[in-house]
Amino acid sequence: MPPVPSATPGAAPSLNLDLGTGRASSRPVTPGTRGALNLMPPPPERRSKLAEDIEKAGKPDCRRAHADKGLLGVVPLAQAALSRDGDCRW
């Protein structure tokens, strides 16, 4: 059995505090990745106010879009009022 080297009483063992030299640093670091697995999807990109207004301008006016349906026009009007992506604009 080889002899175990003993530490000298005056010298403290050296610690490797450099965390960037290991195998993990060879991976590219991308913003939004945390840990080994990325469990949270990135947030969806938010459309600008201008893009929303342009899309809204292309929809017909709700007051006239369902006027020919009589009382049955209440159902699509209520749906358009409650949803953000209705088939007409207010």
Protein backbone atom coordinates (compact mmCIF):
# COMPACT_ATOMS: atom_id res chain seq x y z
CA MET A 1 0.00 0.00 0.00
CA PRO A 2 1.49 3.40 -0.97
CA PRO A 3 1.93 5.92 1.79
CA VAL A 4 -0.70 8.65 2.00
CA PRO A 5 0.80 12.12 1.59
CA SER A 6 0.15 14.20 4.65
CA ALA A 7 -0.57 17.90 4.55
CA THR A 8 2.02 20.09 6.05
CA PRO A 9 0.75 21.97 9.07
CA GLY A 10 1.52 25.42 7.66
CA ALA A 11 0.09 25.00 4.12
CA ALA A 12 -3.63 25.01 3.45
CA PRO A 13 -4.94 22.86 0.60
CA SER A 14 -5.58 24.86 -2.56
CA LEU A 15 -9.18 25.25 -3.68
CA ASN A 16 -10.22 25.52 -7.32
CA LEU A 17 -12.72 28.38 -7.26
CA ASP A 18 -12.74 28.91 -11.03
CA LEU A 19 -16.24 27.80 -12.09
CA GLY A 20 -15.86 28.62 -15.80
CA THR A 21 -13.28 25.99 -16.74
CA GLY A 22 -15.45 22.89 -16.46
CA ARG A 23 -17.35 20.98 -19.12
CA ALA A 24 -20.49 23.08 -18.61
CA SER A 25 -18.81 26.22 -19.91
CA SER A 26 -18.37 24.70 -23.38
CA ARG A 27 -22.15 24.95 -23.96
CA PRO A 28 -23.36 28.20 -25.47
CA VAL A 29 -25.22 30.36 -23.00
CA THR A 30 -28.51 31.63 -24.37
CA PRO A 31 -30.82 34.00 -22.54
CA GLY A 32 -33.87 32.19 -21.25
CA THR A 33 -32.24 28.81 -20.63
CA ARG A 34 -31.84 27.85 -17.03
CA GLY A 35 -30.32 24.63 -15.92
CA ALA A 36 -30.08 21.44 -17.93
CA LEU A 37 -33.71 21.43 -19.09
CA ASN A 38 -35.70 24.39 -20.31
CA LEU A 39 -39.11 23.60 -18.83
CA MET A 40 -40.67 27.03 -19.31
CA PRO A 41 -41.38 28.06 -22.91
CA PRO A 42 -40.35 31.56 -23.91
CA PRO A 43 -43.13 34.16 -23.68
CA PRO A 44 -44.99 34.80 -26.93
CA GLU A 45 -44.01 37.87 -28.85
CA ARG A 46 -46.37 40.76 -28.24
CA ARG A 47 -47.87 42.45 -31.27
CA SER A 48 -47.57 46.18 -31.48
CA LYS A 49 -50.54 48.48 -31.07
CA LEU A 50 -50.21 49.52 -34.70
CA ALA A 51 -50.46 45.91 -35.92
CA GLU A 52 -53.57 45.34 -33.78
CA ASP A 53 -55.19 48.54 -35.08
CA ILE A 54 -54.46 47.63 -38.71
CA GLU A 55 -56.03 44.20 -38.22
CA LYS A 56 -59.04 45.74 -36.47
CA ALA A 57 -59.53 48.25 -39.31
CA GLY A 58 -60.02 45.42 -41.80
CA LYS A 59 -62.99 43.98 -39.88
CA PRO A 60 -66.55 45.18 -40.56
CA ASP A 61 -68.43 47.34 -38.07
CA CYS A 62 -70.40 45.19 -35.58
CA ARG A 63 -73.46 47.45 -35.75
CA ARG A 64 -73.82 46.76 -39.46
CA ALA A 65 -72.22 43.32 -39.79
CA HIS A 66 -75.10 41.42 -38.15
CA ALA A 67 -77.97 43.86 -38.75
CA ASP A 68 -79.56 41.61 -41.39
CA LYS A 69 -79.89 38.67 -38.95
CA GLY A 70 -82.55 40.28 -36.77
CA LEU A 71 -82.72 38.87 -33.24
CA LEU A 72 -80.36 36.03 -34.18
CA GLY A 73 -77.67 38.66 -34.66
CA VAL A 74 -77.44 39.03 -30.88
CA VAL A 75 -75.46 35.79 -30.57
CA PRO A 76 -72.53 36.82 -32.82
CA LEU A 77 -72.63 40.33 -31.36
CA ALA A 78 -72.31 38.95 -27.83
CA GLN A 79 -69.50 36.66 -28.94
CA ALA A 80 -67.66 39.57 -30.55
CA ALA A 81 -68.15 41.72 -27.45
CA LEU A 82 -66.82 39.05 -25.07
CA SER A 83 -63.86 37.85 -27.12
CA ARG A 84 -60.85 39.84 -28.09
CA ASP A 85 -60.61 38.32 -31.57
CA GLY A 86 -64.19 38.74 -32.74
CA ASP A 87 -65.26 38.80 -36.36
CA CYS A 88 -66.17 42.49 -36.22
CA ARG A 89 -64.95 45.70 -34.59
CA TRP A 90 -66.78 47.96 -32.17
